[in-house]
């Protein structure tokens, strides 16, 4: 039975729209049911996925508490949960519901945190680093000696991708929006940072690859970078489109792929690369190994209080953030 102790503050929306649609509300959580746990959040991630749900690009039932990633400690465990206990520190890699002081989450979406990984680091890095893991090692498996193009190289995913690629012996050309972000990307291992508007990205790619183009472009920008990404690919290259921060690319006819060198396009989603409990844990363990080995350093560029969630969304959409952003409940 739920009690007053289960009353928490959450950032909710009742309609789709801009950041102004957020409302801070008091919510009474039920007790966890079969296969569920109650997690007290200590750090919450800010991801572009949350923006897509807020705007309605990704359908979600309303009203809703947004968020798709957080970290904290388990306060209650429901029936049929065998491998988690009260007090365990966990990353919650599923939502919605994370923009809150506490939440009910499926045990299948929780990853126990090793002692050396704190909750802020987990919230800042887990989904983003696991995204990098499947992008570079499974969606298109990069190989030592290759040169790749990664858009938004100074973002939360981009900074981790630059480090991961360097650990694999891969050179990265990374696009950024400012000179300051170019410096951050370079410090993270981006070999050739390129500032949009200051250099011709396609020309830089041709120069760095002796005219061949790159075997893969990782593009989370979408509409504003789609044609550029195609122009940077080598023959039979692959465009990995894993986001659309500038909007969805315009519709195109399949013959466009042949015109650009018989290229491939894929639109991966993390759910398909962590579809089983074992895949989820294996991806997380790979991230923990990279962190423990000193090959990944998590950059938390900014933090916001939960009551400032609208401001956090404005900063993210305005490309005013660097590295990862953490919301503190």
Foldseek 3Di string as FASTA:
>chain_A
DWDPVQWWWFWWAQDADALVRTDIDIDGDDAAEAQKFKFQFFWAFDDVVQNCPRNCVDPDDPGFGAGQKTWGFTCGDYPNDDPDDGGFTWIQRGDDPRLIRMDMGGPLRIDGDDPVADRHNCNQAQVLQLVLCCVCPPPPPDAAPFEEEEEQLQEQNNLQNQLVCVVRNYAYEYEHADPVSQVSSVVSRHPHYDHPPPDLSLVVLCVVVVNFAGQEYEAAQAQVCVVVRLSRHGAQHEYEHAHHLPDHHDDDDVCVCVVSHVYYYDHDDVCVQCVGSVSSNVSSVVVVVCVVVVSGDADAFEEEESVCVSVVSVCVSVVVTGHIYMYGD
